[in-house]
């Protein structure tokens, strides 16, 4: 919010009884729609990675290992992007001490989550070795292994330091580009489509991790008006990225699937062809979740983070309490 009108609305909110006392309503239950979205995009990625892996000649454990490597990369990338690009040291609409306290708590929790992601990323190195088609380009394969280990080590060291998080974003971008290049088979058009697809996937998946396992619990720890303002602005930045990521995933996915459009219906109705419409259905469900999540205020358990105008409502909600 940067306009005079928005600033005036925020100032008017501070006159409300629950705001003037620096208290906001916090739900006892954790919103479930963000977790549904995380599960759907994970399943969609599993279907997509399985299909492309089969086309690359992989089977069995190699298919799972390749997906796990890409999934871990997606988790790490979007997570580090949130730290580097969404977090702000200050917010013009919020008290600085409240923003500092919110950020400090977020970074403590992000360090813990980041270390889990770091372990996942390092385990994902197995997927690079089991993807047999990468062995044809040993320089690329070992470069990917090196970057993967460095990315995991960076996350294990913690994301509190912004410069370290920038390194994590850079390594993730290099790895995504490497996978896209290897999967493209020398076609630059395919490389561009694959690069966009994997980037959008990472931005959404990793961002969802931060929102669910960092932003939500930290928001509960700081149930005050200024923290709500800062949290709402953080969420809005992620939403704008999702508005780019969602259509990008859909369009690039359809472009890649169009290569099989002339195959008979029998192929689409059986494995592995059925993985494509299954992934499409998962993405359609994601669209529904993205639309309904703010409508039902499931973006956060803290009143006002989903929509600041909610602070203007004095109606009570069952199962909620004022902290």
C-alpha atoms as a PDB file:
ATOM      1  CA  UNK A   1       0.000   0.000   0.000  1.00  0.00           C
ATOM      2  CA  UNK A   2       1.609   3.192  -1.144  1.00  0.00           C
ATOM      3  CA  UNK A   3      -1.268   5.440  -2.157  1.00  0.00           C
ATOM      4  CA  UNK A   4      -2.666   8.217   0.000  1.00  0.00           C
ATOM      5  CA  UNK A   5      -6.027   6.477   0.043  1.00  0.00           C
ATOM      6  CA  UNK A   6      -4.571   3.204   1.324  1.00  0.00           C
ATOM      7  CA  UNK A   7      -2.520   5.012   3.956  1.00  0.00           C
ATOM      8  CA  UNK A   8      -5.595   6.846   5.139  1.00  0.00           C
ATOM      9  CA  UNK A   9      -7.474   3.564   5.421  1.00  0.00           C
ATOM     10  CA  UNK A  10      -4.703   2.048   7.523  1.00  0.00           C
ATOM     11  CA  UNK A  11      -4.649   5.115   9.768  1.00  0.00           C
ATOM     12  CA  UNK A  12      -8.390   4.823  10.223  1.00  0.00           C
ATOM     13  CA  UNK A  13      -8.027   1.214  11.273  1.00  0.00           C
ATOM     14  CA  UNK A  14      -5.838   2.184  14.195  1.00  0.00           C
ATOM     15  CA  UNK A  15      -8.816   3.876  15.818  1.00  0.00           C
ATOM     16  CA  UNK A  16     -10.651   0.557  16.193  1.00  0.00           C
ATOM     17  CA  UNK A  17     -10.879  -0.850  19.732  1.00  0.00           C
ATOM     18  CA  UNK A  18      -9.016  -4.093  18.999  1.00  0.00           C
ATOM     19  CA  UNK A  19      -6.296  -2.204  17.086  1.00  0.00           C
ATOM     20  CA  UNK A  20      -5.725   0.691  19.453  1.00  0.00           C
ATOM     21  CA  UNK A  21      -4.871  -1.892  22.088  1.00  0.00           C
ATOM     22  CA  UNK A  22      -2.432  -3.509  19.650  1.00  0.00           C
ATOM     23  CA  UNK A  23      -4.451  -6.745  19.703  1.00  0.00           C
ATOM     24  CA  UNK A  24      -5.813  -8.757  16.814  1.00  0.00           C
ATOM     25  CA  UNK A  25      -7.853 -11.928  16.537  1.00  0.00           C
ATOM     26  CA  UNK A  26      -5.924 -15.177  16.055  1.00  0.00           C
ATOM     27  CA  UNK A  27      -7.613 -18.414  15.038  1.00  0.00           C
ATOM     28  CA  UNK A  28      -7.014 -21.465  17.158  1.00  0.00           C
ATOM     29  CA  UNK A  29      -7.062 -23.751  14.124  1.00  0.00           C
ATOM     30  CA  UNK A  30      -4.448 -23.596  11.379  1.00  0.00           C
ATOM     31  CA  UNK A  31      -5.839 -22.819   7.903  1.00  0.00           C
ATOM     32  CA  UNK A  32      -5.787 -25.973   5.779  1.00  0.00           C
ATOM     33  CA  UNK A  33      -6.168 -24.640   2.217  1.00  0.00           C
ATOM     34  CA  UNK A  34      -2.486 -23.561   1.902  1.00  0.00           C
ATOM     35  CA  UNK A  35      -1.471 -27.102   2.860  1.00  0.00           C
ATOM     36  CA  UNK A  36      -3.917 -28.477   0.304  1.00  0.00           C
ATOM     37  CA  UNK A  37      -2.271 -26.280  -2.325  1.00  0.00           C
ATOM     38  CA  UNK A  38       1.189 -27.458  -1.260  1.00  0.00           C
ATOM     39  CA  UNK A  39       0.066 -31.092  -1.523  1.00  0.00           C
ATOM     40  CA  UNK A  40      -1.510 -30.547  -4.941  1.00  0.00           C
ATOM     41  CA  UNK A  41       1.549 -28.894  -6.458  1.00  0.00           C
ATOM     42  CA  UNK A  42       3.743 -31.629  -4.975  1.00  0.00           C
ATOM     43  CA  UNK A  43       1.563 -34.319  -6.550  1.00  0.00           C
ATOM     44  CA  UNK A  44       1.479 -32.421  -9.847  1.00  0.00           C
ATOM     45  CA  UNK A  45       5.271 -32.232  -9.820  1.00  0.00           C
ATOM     46  CA  UNK A  46       5.520 -35.946  -9.074  1.00  0.00           C
ATOM     47  CA  UNK A  47       3.287 -36.758 -12.047  1.00  0.00           C
ATOM     48  CA  UNK A  48       5.158 -34.414 -14.371  1.00  0.00           C
ATOM     49  CA  UNK A  49       8.610 -35.569 -13.296  1.00  0.00           C
ATOM     50  CA  UNK A  50       7.590 -39.210 -13.614  1.00  0.00           C
ATOM     51  CA  UNK A  51       6.334 -38.651 -17.160  1.00  0.00           C
ATOM     52  CA  UNK A  52       9.427 -36.763 -18.336  1.00  0.00           C
ATOM     53  CA  UNK A  53      11.670 -39.255 -16.548  1.00  0.00           C
ATOM     54  CA  UNK A  54      10.065 -42.179 -18.358  1.00  0.00           C
ATOM     55  CA  UNK A  55      10.591 -40.379 -21.663  1.00  0.00           C
ATOM     56  CA  UNK A  56      14.252 -39.963 -20.686  1.00  0.00           C
ATOM     57  CA  UNK A  57      14.564 -43.722 -20.245  1.00  0.00           C
ATOM     58  CA  UNK A  58      14.411 -43.849 -16.446  1.00  0.00           C
ATOM     59  CA  UNK A  59      12.505 -46.340 -14.356  1.00  0.00           C
ATOM     60  CA  UNK A  60      12.002 -47.501 -10.785  1.00  0.00           C
ATOM     61  CA  UNK A  61      14.068 -45.758  -8.116  1.00  0.00           C
ATOM     62  CA  UNK A  62      15.739 -43.508 -10.706  1.00  0.00           C
ATOM     63  CA  UNK A  63      12.346 -41.919 -11.429  1.00  0.00           C
ATOM     64  CA  UNK A  64      11.708 -41.199  -7.763  1.00  0.00           C
ATOM     65  CA  UNK A  65      15.249 -39.921  -7.161  1.00  0.00           C
ATOM     66  CA  UNK A  66      15.042 -37.506 -10.096  1.00  0.00           C
ATOM     67  CA  UNK A  67      11.685 -36.169  -8.882  1.00  0.00           C
ATOM     68  CA  UNK A  68      12.986 -35.844  -5.324  1.00  0.00           C
ATOM     69  CA  UNK A  69      15.964 -33.842  -6.586  1.00  0.00           C
ATOM     70  CA  UNK A  70      13.726 -31.473  -8.564  1.00  0.00           C
ATOM     71  CA  UNK A  71      11.234 -31.225  -5.689  1.00  0.00           C
ATOM     72  CA  UNK A  72      13.958 -30.349  -3.190  1.00  0.00           C
ATOM     73  CA  UNK A  73      15.333 -27.786  -5.609  1.00  0.00           C
ATOM     74  CA  UNK A  74      11.879 -26.235  -5.899  1.00  0.00           C
ATOM     75  CA  UNK A  75      11.506 -26.091  -2.126  1.00  0.00           C
ATOM     76  CA  UNK A  76      14.888 -24.426  -1.670  1.00  0.00           C
ATOM     77  CA  UNK A  77      14.536 -21.909  -4.490  1.00  0.00           C
ATOM     78  CA  UNK A  78      11.186 -20.398  -3.602  1.00  0.00           C
ATOM     79  CA  UNK A  79      12.109 -20.439   0.083  1.00  0.00           C
ATOM     80  CA  UNK A  80      15.318 -18.462  -0.509  1.00  0.00           C
ATOM     81  CA  UNK A  81      13.506 -16.079  -2.860  1.00  0.00           C
ATOM     82  CA  UNK A  82      11.084 -15.204  -0.051  1.00  0.00           C
ATOM     83  CA  UNK A  83      14.026 -14.374   2.231  1.00  0.00           C
ATOM     84  CA  UNK A  84      15.794 -12.232  -0.383  1.00  0.00           C
ATOM     85  CA  UNK A  85      12.965 -10.483  -2.215  1.00  0.00           C
ATOM     86  CA  UNK A  86       9.848 -10.487  -0.023  1.00  0.00           C
ATOM     87  CA  UNK A  87      11.219  -9.691   3.424  1.00  0.00           C
ATOM     88  CA  UNK A  88      11.827  -6.019   4.197  1.00  0.00           C
ATOM     89  CA  UNK A  89      13.898  -4.463   6.966  1.00  0.00           C
ATOM     90  CA  UNK A  90      11.206  -1.835   7.374  1.00  0.00           C
ATOM     91  CA  UNK A  91       7.619  -1.122   6.376  1.00  0.00           C
ATOM     92  CA  UNK A  92       6.450   2.462   5.868  1.00  0.00           C
ATOM     93  CA  UNK A  93       3.017   1.587   7.271  1.00  0.00           C
ATOM     94  CA  UNK A  94       4.205  -0.228  10.414  1.00  0.00           C
ATOM     95  CA  UNK A  95       6.121   0.551  13.584  1.00  0.00           C
ATOM     96  CA  UNK A  96       9.808  -0.289  13.141  1.00  0.00           C
ATOM     97  CA  UNK A  97      10.180  -2.122  16.455  1.00  0.00           C
ATOM     98  CA  UNK A  98       7.255  -4.401  15.574  1.00  0.00           C
ATOM     99  CA  UNK A  99       8.754  -5.137  12.137  1.00  0.00           C
ATOM    100  CA  UNK A 100      12.126  -5.871  13.733  1.00  0.00           C
ATOM    101  CA  UNK A 101      10.542  -8.273  16.210  1.00  0.00           C
ATOM    102  CA  UNK A 102       8.546 -10.006  13.472  1.00  0.00           C
ATOM    103  CA  UNK A 103      11.597 -10.386  11.238  1.00  0.00           C
ATOM    104  CA  UNK A 104      13.778 -11.649  14.077  1.00  0.00           C
ATOM    105  CA  UNK A 105      11.279 -14.391  14.911  1.00  0.00           C
ATOM    106  CA  UNK A 106      10.847 -15.241  11.235  1.00  0.00           C
ATOM    107  CA  UNK A 107      14.580 -15.646  10.685  1.00  0.00           C
ATOM    108  CA  UNK A 108      14.967 -17.890  13.728  1.00  0.00           C
ATOM    109  CA  UNK A 109      12.244 -20.197  12.431  1.00  0.00           C
ATOM    110  CA  UNK A 110      13.448 -19.907   8.830  1.00  0.00           C
ATOM    111  CA  UNK A 111      16.870 -21.121   9.918  1.00  0.00           C
ATOM    112  CA  UNK A 112      15.302 -24.280  11.324  1.00  0.00           C
ATOM    113  CA  UNK A 113      13.158 -24.915   8.242  1.00  0.00           C
ATOM    114  CA  UNK A 114      16.060 -24.021   5.956  1.00  0.00           C
ATOM    115  CA  UNK A 115      18.264 -26.662   7.566  1.00  0.00           C
ATOM    116  CA  UNK A 116      15.624 -29.307   6.856  1.00  0.00           C
ATOM    117  CA  UNK A 117      15.510 -28.131   3.247  1.00  0.00           C
ATOM    118  CA  UNK A 118      19.308 -28.213   3.122  1.00  0.00           C
ATOM    119  CA  UNK A 119      19.283 -31.890   4.105  1.00  0.00           C
ATOM    120  CA  UNK A 120      16.634 -32.604   1.460  1.00  0.00           C
ATOM    121  CA  UNK A 121      18.715 -30.831  -1.183  1.00  0.00           C
ATOM    122  CA  UNK A 122      21.839 -32.817  -0.338  1.00  0.00           C
ATOM    123  CA  UNK A 123      19.871 -36.075  -0.434  1.00  0.00           C
ATOM    124  CA  UNK A 124      18.584 -34.951  -3.831  1.00  0.00           C
ATOM    125  CA  UNK A 125      22.127 -35.259  -5.192  1.00  0.00           C
ATOM    126  CA  UNK A 126      21.332 -38.953  -5.662  1.00  0.00           C
ATOM    127  CA  UNK A 127      18.848 -37.981  -8.369  1.00  0.00           C
ATOM    128  CA  UNK A 128      21.606 -36.398 -10.437  1.00  0.00           C
ATOM    129  CA  UNK A 129      23.614 -39.632 -10.382  1.00  0.00           C
ATOM    130  CA  UNK A 130      20.647 -41.910 -11.109  1.00  0.00           C
ATOM    131  CA  UNK A 131      19.482 -39.837 -14.109  1.00  0.00           C
ATOM    132  CA  UNK A 132      21.409 -41.836 -16.658  1.00  0.00           C
ATOM    133  CA  UNK A 133      21.046 -39.338 -19.497  1.00  0.00           C
ATOM    134  CA  UNK A 134      23.151 -36.841 -17.516  1.00  0.00           C
ATOM    135  CA  UNK A 135      26.125 -39.209 -17.741  1.00  0.00           C
ATOM    136  CA  UNK A 136      26.420 -38.282 -21.428  1.00  0.00           C
ATOM    137  CA  UNK A 137      27.588 -34.823 -20.322  1.00  0.00           C
ATOM    138  CA  UNK A 138      29.887 -35.505 -17.340  1.00  0.00           C
ATOM    139  CA  UNK A 139      30.978 -31.874 -17.026  1.00  0.00           C
ATOM    140  CA  UNK A 140      27.366 -30.764 -16.643  1.00  0.00           C
ATOM    141  CA  UNK A 141      26.583 -33.641 -14.298  1.00  0.00           C
ATOM    142  CA  UNK A 142      29.454 -32.920 -11.917  1.00  0.00           C
ATOM    143  CA  UNK A 143      28.784 -29.191 -12.069  1.00  0.00           C
ATOM    144  CA  UNK A 144      25.210 -29.927 -10.981  1.00  0.00           C
ATOM    145  CA  UNK A 145      26.451 -32.170  -8.169  1.00  0.00           C
ATOM    146  CA  UNK A 146      28.792 -29.427  -6.960  1.00  0.00           C
ATOM    147  CA  UNK A 147      26.077 -26.765  -7.061  1.00  0.00           C
ATOM    148  CA  UNK A 148      23.609 -29.092  -5.331  1.00  0.00           C
ATOM    149  CA  UNK A 149      25.989 -29.791  -2.453  1.00  0.00           C
ATOM    150  CA  UNK A 150      26.852 -26.090  -2.137  1.00  0.00           C
ATOM    151  CA  UNK A 151      23.155 -25.187  -2.080  1.00  0.00           C
ATOM    152  CA  UNK A 152      22.463 -27.741   0.623  1.00  0.00           C
ATOM    153  CA  UNK A 153      25.428 -26.536   2.678  1.00  0.00           C
ATOM    154  CA  UNK A 154      24.277 -22.916   2.339  1.00  0.00           C
ATOM    155  CA  UNK A 155      20.823 -23.765   3.651  1.00  0.00           C
ATOM    156  CA  UNK A 156      22.265 -25.858   6.460  1.00  0.00           C
ATOM    157  CA  UNK A 157      24.333 -22.840   7.509  1.00  0.00           C
ATOM    158  CA  UNK A 158      21.107 -20.811   7.849  1.00  0.00           C
ATOM    159  CA  UNK A 159      19.270 -18.126   5.900  1.00  0.00           C
ATOM    160  CA  UNK A 160      19.527 -15.365   8.499  1.00  0.00           C
ATOM    161  CA  UNK A 161      22.316 -13.783   6.481  1.00  0.00           C
ATOM    162  CA  UNK A 162      20.779 -12.199   3.379  1.00  0.00           C
ATOM    163  CA  UNK A 163      23.971 -12.576   1.359  1.00  0.00           C
ATOM    164  CA  UNK A 164      23.936 -16.324   1.982  1.00  0.00           C
ATOM    165  CA  UNK A 165      20.341 -16.424   0.795  1.00  0.00           C
ATOM    166  CA  UNK A 166      21.340 -14.598  -2.385  1.00  0.00           C
ATOM    167  CA  UNK A 167      23.922 -17.327  -2.961  1.00  0.00           C
ATOM    168  CA  UNK A 168      21.168 -19.923  -2.453  1.00  0.00           C
ATOM    169  CA  UNK A 169      18.946 -18.193  -5.024  1.00  0.00           C
ATOM    170  CA  UNK A 170      21.837 -18.030  -7.509  1.00  0.00           C
ATOM    171  CA  UNK A 171      22.730 -21.707  -7.073  1.00  0.00           C
ATOM    172  CA  UNK A 172      19.077 -22.696  -7.441  1.00  0.00           C
ATOM    173  CA  UNK A 173      18.771 -20.692 -10.662  1.00  0.00           C
ATOM    174  CA  UNK A 174      21.907 -22.364 -12.035  1.00  0.00           C
ATOM    175  CA  UNK A 175      20.599 -25.823 -11.156  1.00  0.00           C
ATOM    176  CA  UNK A 176      17.166 -25.161 -12.654  1.00  0.00           C
ATOM    177  CA  UNK A 177      18.828 -23.946 -15.854  1.00  0.00           C
ATOM    178  CA  UNK A 178      21.044 -27.061 -15.873  1.00  0.00           C
ATOM    179  CA  UNK A 179      18.085 -29.431 -15.529  1.00  0.00           C
ATOM    180  CA  UNK A 180      16.187 -27.516 -18.224  1.00  0.00           C
ATOM    181  CA  UNK A 181      19.169 -27.722 -20.571  1.00  0.00           C
ATOM    182  CA  UNK A 182      19.679 -31.437 -19.950  1.00  0.00           C
ATOM    183  CA  UNK A 183      15.962 -32.189 -20.426  1.00  0.00           C
ATOM    184  CA  UNK A 184      15.720 -30.109 -23.607  1.00  0.00           C
ATOM    185  CA  UNK A 185      17.963 -32.394 -25.626  1.00  0.00           C
ATOM    186  CA  UNK A 186      19.620 -29.556 -27.508  1.00  0.00           C
ATOM    187  CA  UNK A 187      16.425 -27.665 -28.413  1.00  0.00           C
ATOM    188  CA  UNK A 188      16.605 -24.045 -27.267  1.00  0.00           C
ATOM    189  CA  UNK A 189      12.839 -23.594 -27.609  1.00  0.00           C
ATOM    190  CA  UNK A 190      12.272 -26.577 -25.335  1.00  0.00           C
ATOM    191  CA  UNK A 191      14.932 -25.250 -22.977  1.00  0.00           C
ATOM    192  CA  UNK A 192      13.142 -21.899 -22.650  1.00  0.00           C
ATOM    193  CA  UNK A 193       9.774 -23.545 -21.977  1.00  0.00           C
ATOM    194  CA  UNK A 194      11.267 -25.999 -19.500  1.00  0.00           C
ATOM    195  CA  UNK A 195      13.179 -23.215 -17.733  1.00  0.00           C
ATOM    196  CA  UNK A 196      10.028 -21.145 -17.266  1.00  0.00           C
ATOM    197  CA  UNK A 197       8.095 -24.198 -16.073  1.00  0.00           C
ATOM    198  CA  UNK A 198      10.636 -25.210 -13.434  1.00  0.00           C
ATOM    199  CA  UNK A 199      11.170 -21.611 -12.284  1.00  0.00           C
ATOM    200  CA  UNK A 200       7.452 -21.008 -11.773  1.00  0.00           C
ATOM    201  CA  UNK A 201       7.143 -24.320  -9.949  1.00  0.00           C
ATOM    202  CA  UNK A 202       9.983 -23.408  -7.592  1.00  0.00           C
ATOM    203  CA  UNK A 203       8.675 -19.908  -6.853  1.00  0.00           C
ATOM    204  CA  UNK A 204       5.291 -21.265  -5.828  1.00  0.00           C
ATOM    205  CA  UNK A 205       6.355 -24.424  -4.006  1.00  0.00           C
ATOM    206  CA  UNK A 206       9.171 -22.906  -1.958  1.00  0.00           C
ATOM    207  CA  UNK A 207       7.151 -19.772  -1.256  1.00  0.00           C
ATOM    208  CA  UNK A 208       4.334 -21.945   0.077  1.00  0.00           C
ATOM    209  CA  UNK A 209       6.810 -23.593   2.453  1.00  0.00           C
ATOM    210  CA  UNK A 210       7.785 -20.222   3.924  1.00  0.00           C
ATOM    211  CA  UNK A 211       4.169 -19.104   4.208  1.00  0.00           C
ATOM    212  CA  UNK A 212       2.992 -22.304   5.923  1.00  0.00           C
ATOM    213  CA  UNK A 213       5.944 -23.127   8.170  1.00  0.00           C
ATOM    214  CA  UNK A 214       7.441 -19.690   8.834  1.00  0.00           C
ATOM    215  CA  UNK A 215       4.980 -16.827   8.228  1.00  0.00           C
ATOM    216  CA  UNK A 216       1.921 -18.462   9.812  1.00  0.00           C
ATOM    217  CA  UNK A 217       3.458 -19.621  13.103  1.00  0.00           C
ATOM    218  CA  UNK A 218       5.471 -16.420  13.465  1.00  0.00           C
ATOM    219  CA  UNK A 219       2.330 -14.373  12.873  1.00  0.00           C
ATOM    220  CA  UNK A 220       0.763 -16.141  15.849  1.00  0.00           C
ATOM    221  CA  UNK A 221       3.681 -15.000  17.996  1.00  0.00           C
ATOM    222  CA  UNK A 222       3.130 -11.343  17.094  1.00  0.00           C
ATOM    223  CA  UNK A 223      -0.623 -10.630  17.223  1.00  0.00           C
ATOM    224  CA  UNK A 224      -0.390  -6.850  16.949  1.00  0.00           C
ATOM    225  CA  UNK A 225      -1.515  -4.384  14.331  1.00  0.00           C
ATOM    226  CA  UNK A 226       1.916  -3.417  13.017  1.00  0.00           C
ATOM    227  CA  UNK A 227       2.935  -7.048  12.587  1.00  0.00           C
ATOM    228  CA  UNK A 228      -0.314  -7.670  10.702  1.00  0.00           C
ATOM    229  CA  UNK A 229       0.475  -4.789   8.336  1.00  0.00           C
ATOM    230  CA  UNK A 230       3.974  -6.107   7.657  1.00  0.00           C
ATOM    231  CA  UNK A 231       2.711  -9.685   7.329  1.00  0.00           C
ATOM    232  CA  UNK A 232      -0.026  -8.653   4.908  1.00  0.00           C
ATOM    233  CA  UNK A 233       2.497  -6.862   2.715  1.00  0.00           C
ATOM    234  CA  UNK A 234       4.756  -9.928   2.730  1.00  0.00           C
ATOM    235  CA  UNK A 235       1.863 -12.139   1.693  1.00  0.00           C
ATOM    236  CA  UNK A 236       0.857  -9.715  -1.050  1.00  0.00           C
ATOM    237  CA  UNK A 237       4.342  -9.922  -2.590  1.00  0.00           C
ATOM    238  CA  UNK A 238       4.059 -13.698  -2.678  1.00  0.00           C
ATOM    239  CA  UNK A 239       0.569 -13.487  -4.161  1.00  0.00           C
ATOM    240  CA  UNK A 240       1.851 -11.369  -7.033  1.00  0.00           C
ATOM    241  CA  UNK A 241       4.475 -13.998  -7.774  1.00  0.00           C
ATOM    242  CA  UNK A 242       1.821 -16.733  -7.691  1.00  0.00           C
ATOM    243  CA  UNK A 243      -0.221 -14.714 -10.185  1.00  0.00           C
ATOM    244  CA  UNK A 244       2.758 -15.099 -12.522  1.00  0.00           C
ATOM    245  CA  UNK A 245       3.659 -18.655 -11.546  1.00  0.00           C
ATOM    246  CA  UNK A 246       0.213 -20.217 -11.936  1.00  0.00           C
ATOM    247  CA  UNK A 247      -0.471 -19.204 -15.558  1.00  0.00           C
ATOM    248  CA  UNK A 248       3.175 -19.895 -16.426  1.00  0.00           C
ATOM    249  CA  UNK A 249       2.907 -23.465 -15.130  1.00  0.00           C
ATOM    250  CA  UNK A 250      -0.332 -23.953 -17.054  1.00  0.00           C
ATOM    251  CA  UNK A 251       0.838 -22.480 -20.365  1.00  0.00           C
ATOM    252  CA  UNK A 252       4.282 -24.114 -20.384  1.00  0.00           C
ATOM    253  CA  UNK A 253       2.745 -27.420 -19.322  1.00  0.00           C
ATOM    254  CA  UNK A 254       0.277 -27.297 -22.214  1.00  0.00           C
ATOM    255  CA  UNK A 255       3.074 -26.425 -24.635  1.00  0.00           C
ATOM    256  CA  UNK A 256       5.095 -29.449 -23.521  1.00  0.00           C
ATOM    257  CA  UNK A 257       2.020 -31.703 -23.613  1.00  0.00           C
ATOM    258  CA  UNK A 258       1.134 -30.540 -27.140  1.00  0.00           C
ATOM    259  CA  UNK A 259       3.937 -32.745 -28.471  1.00  0.00           C
ATOM    260  CA  UNK A 260       1.674 -35.739 -27.737  1.00  0.00           C
ATOM    261  CA  UNK A 261      -1.583 -34.288 -29.037  1.00  0.00           C
ATOM    262  CA  UNK A 262      -1.792 -36.626 -32.053  1.00  0.00           C
ATOM    263  CA  UNK A 263      -1.541 -39.803 -29.998  1.00  0.00           C
ATOM    264  CA  UNK A 264      -4.741 -41.891 -29.722  1.00  0.00           C
ATOM    265  CA  UNK A 265      -7.138 -41.653 -26.792  1.00  0.00           C
ATOM    266  CA  UNK A 266      -6.038 -45.072 -25.571  1.00  0.00           C
ATOM    267  CA  UNK A 267      -2.571 -43.673 -24.859  1.00  0.00           C
ATOM    268  CA  UNK A 268      -3.949 -40.748 -22.840  1.00  0.00           C
ATOM    269  CA  UNK A 269      -6.166 -43.064 -20.766  1.00  0.00           C
ATOM    270  CA  UNK A 270      -3.345 -45.360 -19.650  1.00  0.00           C
ATOM    271  CA  UNK A 271       0.019 -45.043 -17.937  1.00  0.00           C
ATOM    272  CA  UNK A 272       2.136 -43.015 -18.570  1.00  0.00           C
ATOM    273  CA  UNK A 273      -0.109 -40.878 -20.794  1.00  0.00           C
ATOM    274  CA  UNK A 274      -2.708 -40.486 -18.059  1.00  0.00           C
ATOM    275  CA  UNK A 275      -0.145 -38.605 -15.982  1.00  0.00           C
ATOM    276  CA  UNK A 276      -0.642 -35.550 -18.206  1.00  0.00           C
ATOM    277  CA  UNK A 277      -4.421 -35.107 -17.666  1.00  0.00           C
ATOM    278  CA  UNK A 278      -3.908 -36.013 -13.997  1.00  0.00           C
ATOM    279  CA  UNK A 279      -1.423 -33.171 -13.648  1.00  0.00           C
ATOM    280  CA  UNK A 280      -3.818 -30.821 -15.436  1.00  0.00           C
ATOM    281  CA  UNK A 281      -6.586 -31.732 -12.971  1.00  0.00           C
ATOM    282  CA  UNK A 282      -4.225 -31.020 -10.067  1.00  0.00           C
ATOM    283  CA  UNK A 283      -3.425 -27.606 -11.528  1.00  0.00           C
ATOM    284  CA  UNK A 284      -7.139 -26.864 -11.997  1.00  0.00           C
ATOM    285  CA  UNK A 285      -7.649 -27.720  -8.335  1.00  0.00           C
ATOM    286  CA  UNK A 286      -4.783 -25.351  -7.491  1.00  0.00           C
ATOM    287  CA  UNK A 287      -6.574 -22.566  -9.330  1.00  0.00           C
ATOM    288  CA  UNK A 288      -9.691 -23.245  -7.257  1.00  0.00           C
ATOM    289  CA  UNK A 289      -7.668 -23.152  -4.039  1.00  0.00           C
ATOM    290  CA  UNK A 290      -5.926 -19.934  -5.079  1.00  0.00           C
ATOM    291  CA  UNK A 291      -9.313 -18.288  -5.652  1.00  0.00           C
ATOM    292  CA  UNK A 292     -11.061 -19.596  -2.531  1.00  0.00           C
ATOM    293  CA  UNK A 293      -8.155 -19.207  -0.089  1.00  0.00           C
ATOM    294  CA  UNK A 294      -8.505 -15.410   0.351  1.00  0.00           C
ATOM    295  CA  UNK A 295     -12.302 -15.640   0.176  1.00  0.00           C
ATOM    296  CA  UNK A 296     -12.348 -17.902   3.240  1.00  0.00           C
ATOM    297  CA  UNK A 297      -9.419 -16.059   4.865  1.00  0.00           C
ATOM    298  CA  UNK A 298      -7.261 -19.183   4.849  1.00  0.00           C
ATOM    299  CA  UNK A 299      -4.028 -17.381   3.972  1.00  0.00           C
ATOM    300  CA  UNK A 300      -3.182 -16.892   7.647  1.00  0.00           C
ATOM    301  CA  UNK A 301      -4.601 -17.663  11.095  1.00  0.00           C
ATOM    302  CA  UNK A 302      -4.113 -13.995  12.014  1.00  0.00           C
ATOM    303  CA  UNK A 303      -6.988 -11.649  11.260  1.00  0.00           C
ATOM    304  CA  UNK A 304      -6.058  -8.969   8.754  1.00  0.00           C
ATOM    305  CA  UNK A 305      -3.123 -10.700   7.069  1.00  0.00           C
ATOM    306  CA  UNK A 306      -5.307 -12.123   4.291  1.00  0.00           C
ATOM    307  CA  UNK A 307      -7.095  -8.804   3.906  1.00  0.00           C
ATOM    308  CA  UNK A 308      -6.377  -5.708   5.982  1.00  0.00           C
ATOM    309  CA  UNK A 309     -10.011  -4.668   5.704  1.00  0.00           C
ATOM    310  CA  UNK A 310     -10.858  -7.536   8.064  1.00  0.00           C
ATOM    311  CA  UNK A 311      -9.508  -5.412  10.898  1.00  0.00           C
ATOM    312  CA  UNK A 312     -12.510  -3.200  10.318  1.00  0.00           C
ATOM    313  CA  UNK A 313     -14.875  -6.030  11.229  1.00  0.00           C
ATOM    314  CA  UNK A 314     -16.000  -6.462  14.798  1.00  0.00           C
ATOM    315  CA  UNK A 315     -17.861  -9.707  14.267  1.00  0.00           C
ATOM    316  CA  UNK A 316     -16.624 -12.643  16.305  1.00  0.00           C
ATOM    317  CA  UNK A 317     -15.723 -15.990  14.748  1.00  0.00           C
ATOM    318  CA  UNK A 318     -16.335 -19.323  16.452  1.00  0.00           C
ATOM    319  CA  UNK A 319     -13.177 -20.928  17.695  1.00  0.00           C
ATOM    320  CA  UNK A 320     -11.217 -17.685  17.740  1.00  0.00           C
ATOM    321  CA  UNK A 321      -9.785 -15.724  20.621  1.00  0.00           C
ATOM    322  CA  UNK A 322      -8.081 -12.424  21.196  1.00  0.00           C
ATOM    323  CA  UNK A 323      -4.480 -12.648  22.302  1.00  0.00           C
END
